[in-house]
Every structure is written in structure tokens, then in C-alpha cells.
Amino acid sequence: MAKRAISIPENPVSMYLFNNTKSALIWLVIRLYVGYAWINAGWHKITNDNWTGDNSGGAVQGFVKGALAKAEEGKDVTGWYAMFLENIVLPNASTFGYLVAYGEVLVGLGLIFGLLTGIAAFFGSLMNVSFLFAGTLSTNPLLFILATWLVMAWKVAGWYGLDRWALPYLGTPWNKGTSVIKSSINKSN
């Protein structure tokens, strides 16, 4: 018995938002807002001694200890995440301080310049989820939602940015870009 492919047409709203470059202006506004939020947060951490200076890791230790206290109370932080914080993050607080501070700036730059927008938004949402798991609300829920939408709109979200040229050049894992094609041609000559 032959298998049939199931084809369900995409609805017009998602087709417009995620596949049509006319929606790129919407994504530009969202991208700039989220990018600015990440750069602003990261810059404050980079210029703070408790994140990346002589006391690097101090801020992370304080954050993790606060999250662990919430886990002990049975509120806001689940047991498995508390174990991760206690056994992985806390002993490597200095490393995580640098990773968070510079990661936030890199995510912000990627979003503002529209370079590898989907990847930048993915890593931004990963940080948001990490902060949410640690029991911190702040702007994390909003930034997580917007970053998730940017991940879904990766094809058009960077249209008014460097992705307009970078994505066709670099390609995707399922479609070779012009850089790979040029490289293949040069190797065969």
C-alpha cells in the first residue's frame, strides 16, 4: 500500500506573516524592540564588575541563590531546574556571567542588524526561558513570545537587514547557498 503525502494549505494570515516580505516592516519593529532590550540588558552586565569584571560570577551566584530559595519554598522553580542551577551554573558562575552578558549583546546585535535573525531570536528565547525557569518574570514572558514569533518568521524577519543578502549567500541545511555553490565550482576546477 503506497503512502500518500498529506498536504494542508497554509492559512492566509500565517502565509502573509511568515512567507511574505510585505510583512517585513512588522518584523522590523518587533526585531528592533527585542534587539534593543537585549543590547541594553547585556551592556549593563558587561560594564558591571559582578558580571564580567574582577567579581565576575557574583551576580550569577546571587541570582542562583535566590532561585534556589524559591525552589526550597516549593514556589516558582521546579526541582530539576534547581538541580541544574546548583550543580552546573553555581560552580561555574563566572563563566555563566560572561556567557549571559556577551550572549545578550550578541543576540541584540543580531536582531538589530537583522543578521541570522532566527538564530539570534532562538538564543534570546532560550535565555528568556532560562530566566523564567529560575522564577524571574520581569519582561521575560513578553520577550519570549516576541522572540518565538521572530524564530517562526525567520525567512522575512531580517528582510530589512543583513539577512536579505546573508541567507541566500549562506543557504540553509536543506538548500545550498551561493557560497557553497561557488565553493563547489572552485574545487571542481
N, C-alpha and C. Protein backbone atom coordinates (compact mmCIF):
# COMPACT_ATOMS: atom_id res chain seq x y z
N MET A 1 0.84 -1.18 0.00
CA MET A 1 0.00 0.00 0.00
C MET A 1 0.89 1.24 0.00
N ALA A 2 0.69 2.09 -0.97
CA ALA A 2 1.51 3.29 -1.12
C ALA A 2 1.09 4.36 -0.12
N LYS A 3 2.10 5.03 0.41
CA LYS A 3 1.82 6.13 1.34
C LYS A 3 1.51 7.39 0.54
N ARG A 4 0.50 8.10 1.02
CA ARG A 4 0.14 9.35 0.37
C ARG A 4 0.65 10.52 1.20
N ALA A 5 1.13 11.53 0.53
CA ALA A 5 1.55 12.75 1.21
C ALA A 5 0.31 13.54 1.60
N ILE A 6 0.33 14.06 2.80
CA ILE A 6 -0.78 14.88 3.26
C ILE A 6 -0.40 16.33 3.03
N SER A 7 -1.26 17.03 2.34
CA SER A 7 -0.99 18.43 2.05
C SER A 7 -2.14 19.28 2.59
N ILE A 8 -1.80 20.12 3.56
CA ILE A 8 -2.78 21.03 4.14
C ILE A 8 -2.32 22.44 3.82
N PRO A 9 -3.12 23.17 3.06
CA PRO A 9 -2.68 24.52 2.68
C PRO A 9 -2.57 25.43 3.91
N GLU A 10 -1.57 26.31 3.85
CA GLU A 10 -1.37 27.25 4.95
C GLU A 10 -2.42 28.34 4.91
N ASN A 11 -2.83 28.81 6.09
CA ASN A 11 -3.85 29.85 6.13
C ASN A 11 -3.26 31.18 5.66
N PRO A 12 -4.09 32.08 5.15
CA PRO A 12 -3.59 33.34 4.58
C PRO A 12 -2.86 34.23 5.57
N VAL A 13 -3.25 34.22 6.83
CA VAL A 13 -2.60 35.09 7.81
C VAL A 13 -1.17 34.64 8.06
N SER A 14 -0.97 33.35 8.33
CA SER A 14 0.40 32.88 8.56
C SER A 14 1.22 32.92 7.28
N MET A 15 0.58 32.71 6.14
CA MET A 15 1.28 32.82 4.86
C MET A 15 1.84 34.24 4.70
N TYR A 16 1.02 35.23 5.02
CA TYR A 16 1.44 36.64 4.93
C TYR A 16 2.55 36.94 5.95
N LEU A 17 2.34 36.56 7.20
CA LEU A 17 3.28 36.91 8.26
C LEU A 17 4.63 36.22 8.14
N PHE A 18 4.64 34.96 7.72
CA PHE A 18 5.87 34.18 7.76
C PHE A 18 6.52 33.92 6.41
N ASN A 19 5.84 34.28 5.32
CA ASN A 19 6.39 33.98 3.99
C ASN A 19 6.37 35.16 3.03
N ASN A 20 5.79 36.27 3.41
CA ASN A 20 5.64 37.40 2.50
C ASN A 20 6.49 38.57 2.97
N THR A 21 7.37 39.06 2.12
CA THR A 21 8.25 40.16 2.51
C THR A 21 7.49 41.46 2.78
N LYS A 22 6.22 41.52 2.39
CA LYS A 22 5.42 42.71 2.72
C LYS A 22 5.20 42.81 4.23
N SER A 23 5.33 41.72 4.95
CA SER A 23 5.17 41.75 6.42
C SER A 23 6.47 42.13 7.12
N ALA A 24 7.54 42.31 6.38
CA ALA A 24 8.85 42.55 6.97
C ALA A 24 8.91 43.82 7.82
N LEU A 25 8.08 44.80 7.50
CA LEU A 25 8.07 46.03 8.30
C LEU A 25 7.56 45.75 9.71
N ILE A 26 6.58 44.88 9.84
CA ILE A 26 6.08 44.47 11.17
C ILE A 26 7.21 43.82 11.95
N TRP A 27 7.93 42.91 11.30
CA TRP A 27 9.02 42.20 11.97
C TRP A 27 10.18 43.12 12.29
N LEU A 28 10.40 44.13 11.46
CA LEU A 28 11.47 45.09 11.74
C LEU A 28 11.21 45.80 13.06
N VAL A 29 9.98 46.25 13.27
CA VAL A 29 9.64 46.94 14.52
C VAL A 29 9.84 46.01 15.71
N ILE A 30 9.33 44.79 15.61
CA ILE A 30 9.48 43.82 16.70
C ILE A 30 10.95 43.49 16.92
N ARG A 31 11.67 43.28 15.84
CA ARG A 31 13.10 42.93 15.91
C ARG A 31 13.90 44.03 16.60
N LEU A 32 13.64 45.29 16.24
CA LEU A 32 14.38 46.40 16.84
C LEU A 32 14.06 46.54 18.33
N TYR A 33 12.80 46.36 18.69
CA TYR A 33 12.41 46.44 20.10
C TYR A 33 13.11 45.36 20.92
N VAL A 34 13.02 44.11 20.46
CA VAL A 34 13.62 43.00 21.20
C VAL A 34 15.15 43.14 21.19
N GLY A 35 15.71 43.52 20.06
CA GLY A 35 17.16 43.70 19.97
C GLY A 35 17.67 44.77 20.93
N TYR A 36 16.95 45.89 21.00
CA TYR A 36 17.34 46.95 21.92
C TYR A 36 17.26 46.46 23.37
N ALA A 37 16.22 45.71 23.70
CA ALA A 37 16.09 45.19 25.06
C ALA A 37 17.27 44.30 25.42
N TRP A 38 17.72 43.46 24.48
CA TRP A 38 18.85 42.58 24.75
C TRP A 38 20.16 43.34 24.84
N ILE A 39 20.39 44.27 23.93
CA ILE A 39 21.64 45.05 23.99
C ILE A 39 21.71 45.86 25.28
N ASN A 40 20.61 46.47 25.63
CA ASN A 40 20.57 47.28 26.85
C ASN A 40 20.88 46.42 28.08
N ALA A 41 20.23 45.27 28.18
CA ALA A 41 20.46 44.38 29.33
C ALA A 41 21.90 43.87 29.34
N GLY A 42 22.39 43.46 28.18
CA GLY A 42 23.74 42.92 28.09
C GLY A 42 24.81 43.96 28.38
N TRP A 43 24.60 45.17 27.88
CA TRP A 43 25.59 46.23 28.09
C TRP A 43 25.72 46.57 29.58
N HIS A 44 24.59 46.59 30.28
CA HIS A 44 24.64 46.84 31.72
C HIS A 44 25.41 45.74 32.44
N LYS A 45 25.32 44.52 31.95
CA LYS A 45 26.05 43.42 32.56
C LYS A 45 27.53 43.47 32.21
N ILE A 46 27.85 43.78 30.97
CA ILE A 46 29.25 43.84 30.55
C ILE A 46 30.01 44.91 31.33
N THR A 47 29.35 46.00 31.62
CA THR A 47 30.01 47.10 32.32
C THR A 47 29.88 46.98 33.85
N ASN A 48 29.39 45.85 34.34
CA ASN A 48 29.22 45.62 35.77
C ASN A 48 30.25 44.60 36.24
N ASP A 49 31.03 44.98 37.21
CA ASP A 49 32.10 44.12 37.75
C ASP A 49 31.60 42.77 38.25
N ASN A 50 30.37 42.71 38.69
CA ASN A 50 29.83 41.46 39.22
C ASN A 50 29.45 40.47 38.13
N TRP A 51 29.45 40.91 36.89
CA TRP A 51 29.15 40.02 35.77
C TRP A 51 30.41 39.64 35.01
N THR A 52 31.22 40.63 34.65
CA THR A 52 32.37 40.35 33.78
C THR A 52 33.67 40.94 34.29
N GLY A 53 33.69 41.51 35.46
CA GLY A 53 34.91 42.14 35.97
C GLY A 53 35.62 41.27 37.00
N ASP A 54 36.26 41.94 37.93
CA ASP A 54 37.03 41.25 38.97
C ASP A 54 36.15 40.35 39.83
N ASN A 55 34.91 40.71 40.00
CA ASN A 55 33.97 39.90 40.78
C ASN A 55 33.05 39.06 39.89
N SER A 56 33.52 38.73 38.69
CA SER A 56 32.65 38.02 37.74
C SER A 56 32.07 36.77 38.40
N GLY A 57 30.79 36.60 38.17
CA GLY A 57 30.08 35.49 38.76
C GLY A 57 29.33 35.86 40.02
N GLY A 58 29.65 36.99 40.61
CA GLY A 58 28.96 37.41 41.82
C GLY A 58 27.47 37.61 41.59
N ALA A 59 27.13 38.25 40.49
CA ALA A 59 25.72 38.47 40.18
C ALA A 59 25.01 37.15 39.89
N VAL A 60 25.68 36.25 39.19
CA VAL A 60 25.09 34.95 38.88
C VAL A 60 24.87 34.16 40.17
N GLN A 61 25.84 34.20 41.08
CA GLN A 61 25.70 33.49 42.36
C GLN A 61 24.49 34.02 43.13
N GLY A 62 24.34 35.33 43.19
CA GLY A 62 23.19 35.91 43.89
C GLY A 62 21.88 35.51 43.24
N PHE A 63 21.85 35.54 41.91
CA PHE A 63 20.65 35.16 41.16
C PHE A 63 20.29 33.70 41.42
N VAL A 64 21.29 32.82 41.35
CA VAL A 64 21.05 31.39 41.53
C VAL A 64 20.62 31.10 42.97
N LYS A 65 21.24 31.73 43.93
CA LYS A 65 20.86 31.50 45.33
C LYS A 65 19.42 31.95 45.57
N GLY A 66 19.01 33.04 44.94
CA GLY A 66 17.62 33.47 45.04
C GLY A 66 16.67 32.46 44.42
N ALA A 67 17.05 31.91 43.27
CA ALA A 67 16.22 30.90 42.60
C ALA A 67 16.15 29.63 43.43
N LEU A 68 17.27 29.23 44.05
CA LEU A 68 17.28 28.02 44.88
C LEU A 68 16.41 28.21 46.11
N ALA A 69 16.37 29.42 46.66
CA ALA A 69 15.48 29.69 47.80
C ALA A 69 14.02 29.54 47.38
N LYS A 70 13.69 29.96 46.16
CA LYS A 70 12.32 29.80 45.66
C LYS A 70 11.99 28.31 45.47
N ALA A 71 12.98 27.52 45.10
CA ALA A 71 12.76 26.09 44.91
C ALA A 71 12.50 25.40 46.25
N GLU A 72 13.22 25.84 47.29
CA GLU A 72 13.04 25.25 48.61
C GLU A 72 11.66 25.54 49.17
N GLU A 73 11.13 26.70 48.85
CA GLU A 73 9.80 27.08 49.31
C GLU A 73 8.72 26.35 48.53
N GLY A 74 9.11 25.65 47.47
CA GLY A 74 8.15 24.94 46.64
C GLY A 74 7.41 25.86 45.69
N LYS A 75 7.99 27.02 45.43
CA LYS A 75 7.35 28.00 44.55
C LYS A 75 8.25 28.30 43.35
N ASP A 76 7.67 28.63 42.27
CA ASP A 76 8.30 29.25 41.11
C ASP A 76 9.42 28.47 40.41
N VAL A 77 10.21 27.64 41.12
CA VAL A 77 11.34 26.96 40.49
C VAL A 77 11.18 25.45 40.70
N THR A 78 11.16 24.72 39.60
CA THR A 78 11.00 23.26 39.69
C THR A 78 12.29 22.59 40.17
N GLY A 79 12.15 21.39 40.70
CA GLY A 79 13.27 20.67 41.27
C GLY A 79 14.38 20.37 40.27
N TRP A 80 14.02 19.93 39.07
CA TRP A 80 15.06 19.58 38.09
C TRP A 80 15.86 20.81 37.69
N TYR A 81 15.20 21.98 37.60
CA TYR A 81 15.94 23.18 37.22
C TYR A 81 16.81 23.67 38.38
N ALA A 82 16.31 23.51 39.60
CA ALA A 82 17.11 23.86 40.77
C ALA A 82 18.38 23.01 40.82
N MET A 83 18.27 21.72 40.47
CA MET A 83 19.45 20.85 40.44
C MET A 83 20.45 21.34 39.38
N PHE A 84 19.94 21.73 38.22
CA PHE A 84 20.81 22.27 37.17
C PHE A 84 21.53 23.53 37.67
N LEU A 85 20.79 24.43 38.28
CA LEU A 85 21.39 25.66 38.79
C LEU A 85 22.45 25.38 39.85
N GLU A 86 22.13 24.47 40.76
CA GLU A 86 23.02 24.17 41.88
C GLU A 86 24.28 23.42 41.44
N ASN A 87 24.13 22.48 40.51
CA ASN A 87 25.25 21.60 40.15
C ASN A 87 26.04 22.04 38.92
N ILE A 88 25.44 22.84 38.05
CA ILE A 88 26.13 23.26 36.83
C ILE A 88 26.43 24.76 36.85
N VAL A 89 25.41 25.57 37.09
CA VAL A 89 25.59 27.02 37.00
C VAL A 89 26.38 27.57 38.17
N LEU A 90 26.00 27.25 39.38
CA LEU A 90 26.64 27.82 40.57
C LEU A 90 28.15 27.56 40.61
N PRO A 91 28.63 26.32 40.35
CA PRO A 91 30.08 26.10 40.38
C PRO A 91 30.83 26.81 39.23
N ASN A 92 30.10 27.21 38.21
CA ASN A 92 30.70 27.88 37.05
C ASN A 92 30.12 29.28 36.87
N ALA A 93 29.85 29.94 37.98
CA ALA A 93 29.16 31.23 37.96
C ALA A 93 29.91 32.28 37.13
N SER A 94 31.21 32.30 37.21
CA SER A 94 31.99 33.29 36.45
C SER A 94 31.83 33.07 34.95
N THR A 95 31.93 31.82 34.52
CA THR A 95 31.74 31.50 33.10
C THR A 95 30.35 31.89 32.64
N PHE A 96 29.34 31.56 33.43
CA PHE A 96 27.96 31.90 33.06
C PHE A 96 27.75 33.40 33.06
N GLY A 97 28.45 34.13 33.92
CA GLY A 97 28.35 35.60 33.91
C GLY A 97 28.77 36.16 32.57
N TYR A 98 29.91 35.69 32.06
CA TYR A 98 30.39 36.14 30.75
C TYR A 98 29.46 35.67 29.62
N LEU A 99 29.03 34.41 29.70
CA LEU A 99 28.14 33.87 28.67
C LEU A 99 26.84 34.67 28.57
N VAL A 100 26.24 34.98 29.71
CA VAL A 100 24.98 35.72 29.71
C VAL A 100 25.20 37.14 29.20
N ALA A 101 26.19 37.83 29.75
CA ALA A 101 26.42 39.24 29.38
C ALA A 101 26.72 39.39 27.89
N TYR A 102 27.69 38.64 27.39
CA TYR A 102 28.05 38.77 25.98
C TYR A 102 27.02 38.13 25.07
N GLY A 103 26.35 37.07 25.55
CA GLY A 103 25.28 36.45 24.78
C GLY A 103 24.13 37.41 24.55
N GLU A 104 23.77 38.17 25.58
CA GLU A 104 22.69 39.15 25.44
C GLU A 104 23.04 40.22 24.41
N VAL A 105 24.28 40.69 24.44
CA VAL A 105 24.70 41.71 23.46
C VAL A 105 24.71 41.13 22.05
N LEU A 106 25.21 39.91 21.89
CA LEU A 106 25.25 39.30 20.56
C LEU A 106 23.84 39.05 20.01
N VAL A 107 22.93 38.60 20.86
CA VAL A 107 21.54 38.43 20.43
C VAL A 107 20.98 39.77 19.98
N GLY A 108 21.21 40.81 20.78
CA GLY A 108 20.71 42.15 20.44
C GLY A 108 21.28 42.65 19.12
N LEU A 109 22.58 42.48 18.91
CA LEU A 109 23.20 42.92 17.66
C LEU A 109 22.64 42.15 16.46
N GLY A 110 22.49 40.83 16.62
CA GLY A 110 21.93 40.01 15.54
C GLY A 110 20.54 40.48 15.15
N LEU A 111 19.72 40.81 16.16
CA LEU A 111 18.36 41.25 15.88
C LEU A 111 18.33 42.66 15.29
N ILE A 112 19.11 43.55 15.82
CA ILE A 112 19.10 44.93 15.31
C ILE A 112 19.62 44.99 13.87
N PHE A 113 20.70 44.26 13.59
CA PHE A 113 21.24 44.28 12.23
C PHE A 113 20.52 43.30 11.31
N GLY A 114 19.63 42.48 11.85
CA GLY A 114 18.90 41.53 11.02
C GLY A 114 19.82 40.49 10.42
N LEU A 115 20.81 40.04 11.19
CA LEU A 115 21.76 39.04 10.72
C LEU A 115 21.53 37.74 11.46
N LEU A 116 21.20 36.69 10.72
CA LEU A 116 20.85 35.40 11.30
C LEU A 116 19.76 35.60 12.35
N THR A 117 18.73 36.30 11.96
CA THR A 117 17.65 36.72 12.85
C THR A 117 17.01 35.55 13.58
N GLY A 118 16.70 34.48 12.87
CA GLY A 118 16.07 33.33 13.51
C GLY A 118 16.95 32.70 14.56
N ILE A 119 18.24 32.60 14.29
CA ILE A 119 19.18 32.02 15.25
C ILE A 119 19.33 32.93 16.46
N ALA A 120 19.48 34.23 16.22
CA ALA A 120 19.59 35.18 17.33
C ALA A 120 18.34 35.15 18.20
N ALA A 121 17.18 35.14 17.57
CA ALA A 121 15.93 35.10 18.32
C ALA A 121 15.80 33.80 19.11
N PHE A 122 16.26 32.69 18.53
CA PHE A 122 16.22 31.41 19.23
C PHE A 122 17.04 31.48 20.52
N PHE A 123 18.27 31.99 20.42
CA PHE A 123 19.11 32.07 21.61
C PHE A 123 18.57 33.09 22.62
N GLY A 124 17.93 34.15 22.15
CA GLY A 124 17.27 35.08 23.05
C GLY A 124 16.14 34.40 23.80
N SER A 125 15.33 33.63 23.07
CA SER A 125 14.22 32.93 23.73
C SER A 125 14.73 31.87 24.69
N LEU A 126 15.86 31.24 24.37
CA LEU A 126 16.45 30.26 25.28
C LEU A 126 16.87 30.93 26.59
N MET A 127 17.45 32.12 26.50
CA MET A 127 17.80 32.85 27.73
C MET A 127 16.55 33.26 28.50
N ASN A 128 15.51 33.73 27.77
CA ASN A 128 14.26 34.09 28.44
C ASN A 128 13.67 32.91 29.19
N VAL A 129 13.66 31.75 28.57
CA VAL A 129 13.11 30.55 29.21
C VAL A 129 13.96 30.19 30.44
N SER A 130 15.27 30.33 30.33
CA SER A 130 16.14 30.04 31.48
C SER A 130 15.81 30.95 32.65
N PHE A 131 15.61 32.24 32.37
CA PHE A 131 15.27 33.18 33.44
C PHE A 131 13.88 32.87 34.01
N LEU A 132 12.95 32.49 33.14
CA LEU A 132 11.61 32.14 33.61
C LEU A 132 11.64 30.89 34.48
N PHE A 133 12.40 29.87 34.08
CA PHE A 133 12.53 28.67 34.89
C PHE A 133 13.13 28.98 36.26
N ALA A 134 13.96 30.03 36.31
CA ALA A 134 14.58 30.42 37.58
C ALA A 134 13.65 31.30 38.41
N GLY A 135 12.43 31.51 37.94
CA GLY A 135 11.43 32.23 38.72
C GLY A 135 11.44 33.73 38.54
N THR A 136 12.06 34.22 37.47
CA THR A 136 12.13 35.66 37.22
C THR A 136 11.16 36.04 36.11
N LEU A 137 10.25 36.93 36.40
CA LEU A 137 9.29 37.35 35.38
C LEU A 137 9.82 38.55 34.61
N SER A 138 9.74 39.75 35.16
CA SER A 138 10.19 40.97 34.51
C SER A 138 9.61 41.04 33.09
N THR A 139 10.45 41.29 32.10
CA THR A 139 9.99 41.36 30.70
C THR A 139 10.14 40.03 29.98
N ASN A 140 10.61 39.00 30.68
CA ASN A 140 10.89 37.72 30.04
C ASN A 140 9.71 37.09 29.30
N PRO A 141 8.49 37.09 29.85
CA PRO A 141 7.39 36.49 29.08
C PRO A 141 7.15 37.20 27.75
N LEU A 142 7.14 38.52 27.78
CA LEU A 142 6.91 39.28 26.54
C LEU A 142 8.04 39.05 25.54
N LEU A 143 9.28 39.14 26.00
CA LEU A 143 10.42 38.93 25.10
C LEU A 143 10.44 37.51 24.56
N PHE A 144 10.04 36.54 25.39
CA PHE A 144 9.98 35.16 24.91
C PHE A 144 8.96 35.00 23.79
N ILE A 145 7.78 35.57 23.97
CA ILE A 145 6.74 35.48 22.94
C ILE A 145 7.21 36.13 21.65
N LEU A 146 7.75 37.35 21.75
CA LEU A 146 8.20 38.06 20.55
C LEU A 146 9.36 37.32 19.87
N ALA A 147 10.28 36.79 20.66
CA ALA A 147 11.41 36.04 20.08
C ALA A 147 10.92 34.78 19.39
N THR A 148 9.94 34.11 19.98
CA THR A 148 9.38 32.91 19.35
C THR A 148 8.75 33.25 18.01
N TRP A 149 8.04 34.35 17.97
CA TRP A 149 7.45 34.79 16.69
C TRP A 149 8.55 35.10 15.67
N LEU A 150 9.64 35.73 16.13
CA LEU A 150 10.75 36.04 15.21
C LEU A 150 11.40 34.76 14.69
N VAL A 151 11.48 33.74 15.52
CA VAL A 151 12.02 32.46 15.05
C VAL A 151 11.13 31.91 13.95
N MET A 152 9.81 31.96 14.16
CA MET A 152 8.89 31.44 13.13
C MET A 152 8.94 32.29 11.86
N ALA A 153 9.26 33.56 11.98
CA ALA A 153 9.28 34.46 10.82
C ALA A 153 10.69 34.63 10.26
N TRP A 154 11.58 33.70 10.53
CA TRP A 154 12.98 33.86 10.18
C TRP A 154 13.21 34.20 8.71
N LYS A 155 12.35 33.73 7.81
CA LYS A 155 12.56 33.96 6.38
C LYS A 155 12.36 35.42 5.99
N VAL A 156 11.47 36.12 6.69
CA VAL A 156 11.18 37.51 6.32
C VAL A 156 11.53 38.51 7.41
N ALA A 157 11.81 38.05 8.63
CA ALA A 157 12.07 38.98 9.74
C ALA A 157 13.33 39.81 9.53
N GLY A 158 14.29 39.30 8.80
CA GLY A 158 15.52 40.04 8.54
C GLY A 158 15.57 40.67 7.16
N TRP A 159 14.42 40.76 6.50
CA TRP A 159 14.38 41.31 5.14
C TRP A 159 14.93 42.73 5.11
N TYR A 160 14.53 43.55 6.09
CA TYR A 160 15.11 44.90 6.22
C TYR A 160 16.30 44.79 7.16
N GLY A 161 17.30 44.08 6.71
CA GLY A 161 18.52 43.83 7.48
C GLY A 161 19.49 43.03 6.63
N LEU A 162 20.50 42.52 7.26
CA LEU A 162 21.55 41.80 6.52
C LEU A 162 21.12 40.42 6.05
N ASP A 163 20.09 39.85 6.64
CA ASP A 163 19.61 38.53 6.20
C ASP A 163 19.16 38.54 4.75
N ARG A 164 18.76 39.67 4.25
CA ARG A 164 18.30 39.78 2.86
C ARG A 164 19.39 39.28 1.91
N TRP A 165 20.65 39.50 2.28
CA TRP A 165 21.77 39.08 1.45
C TRP A 165 22.47 37.86 2.05
N ALA A 166 22.50 37.78 3.38
CA ALA A 166 23.24 36.69 4.04
C ALA A 166 22.58 35.34 3.84
N LEU A 167 21.25 35.27 3.97
CA LEU A 167 20.58 33.97 3.87
C LEU A 167 20.72 33.34 2.48
N PRO A 168 20.52 34.08 1.38
CA PRO A 168 20.75 33.45 0.07
C PRO A 168 22.22 33.04 -0.13
N TYR A 169 23.14 33.81 0.46
CA TYR A 169 24.55 33.51 0.32
C TYR A 169 24.94 32.28 1.14
N LEU A 170 24.50 32.23 2.40
CA LEU A 170 24.86 31.13 3.28
C LEU A 170 24.03 29.88 3.04
N GLY A 171 22.76 30.08 2.69
CA GLY A 171 21.87 28.94 2.47
C GLY A 171 21.33 28.40 3.78
N THR A 172 20.71 27.25 3.69
CA THR A 172 20.15 26.55 4.85
C THR A 172 20.63 25.11 4.79
N PRO A 173 20.45 24.35 5.86
CA PRO A 173 20.88 22.95 5.81
C PRO A 173 20.20 22.16 4.70
N TRP A 174 19.03 22.58 4.25
CA TRP A 174 18.29 21.84 3.23
C TRP A 174 18.38 22.48 1.85
N ASN A 175 19.08 23.61 1.75
CA ASN A 175 19.21 24.29 0.46
C ASN A 175 20.54 25.03 0.42
N LYS A 176 21.43 24.63 -0.47
CA LYS A 176 22.75 25.24 -0.55
C LYS A 176 22.64 26.72 -0.94
N GLY A 177 23.46 27.53 -0.29
CA GLY A 177 23.54 28.94 -0.64
C GLY A 177 24.57 29.16 -1.72
N THR A 178 24.67 30.38 -2.20
CA THR A 178 25.62 30.68 -3.28
C THR A 178 27.05 30.50 -2.82
N SER A 179 27.37 30.65 -1.52
CA SER A 179 28.74 30.44 -1.05
C SER A 179 29.15 28.99 -1.21
N VAL A 180 28.24 28.06 -0.93
CA VAL A 180 28.53 26.62 -1.06
C VAL A 180 28.63 26.25 -2.53
N ILE A 181 27.76 26.81 -3.34
CA ILE A 181 27.79 26.51 -4.77
C ILE A 181 29.09 27.03 -5.39
N LYS A 182 29.52 28.25 -5.04
CA LYS A 182 30.78 28.80 -5.56
C LYS A 182 31.96 27.95 -5.11
N SER A 183 31.93 27.51 -3.85
CA SER A 183 33.00 26.69 -3.31
C SER A 183 33.10 25.36 -4.07
N SER A 184 31.96 24.77 -4.39
CA SER A 184 31.92 23.50 -5.12
C SER A 184 32.47 23.68 -6.52
N ILE A 185 32.14 24.79 -7.16
CA ILE A 185 32.62 25.06 -8.52
C ILE A 185 34.13 25.25 -8.50
N ASN A 186 34.64 26.02 -7.53
CA ASN A 186 36.08 26.25 -7.45
C ASN A 186 36.87 24.97 -7.19
N LYS A 187 36.33 24.06 -6.39
CA LYS A 187 37.00 22.81 -6.08
C LYS A 187 37.05 21.89 -7.30
N SER A 188 36.03 21.96 -8.15
CA SER A 188 35.99 21.08 -9.32
C SER A 188 36.88 21.58 -10.45
N ASN A 189 37.28 22.85 -10.40
CA ASN A 189 38.14 23.41 -11.47
C ASN A 189 39.58 23.12 -11.23
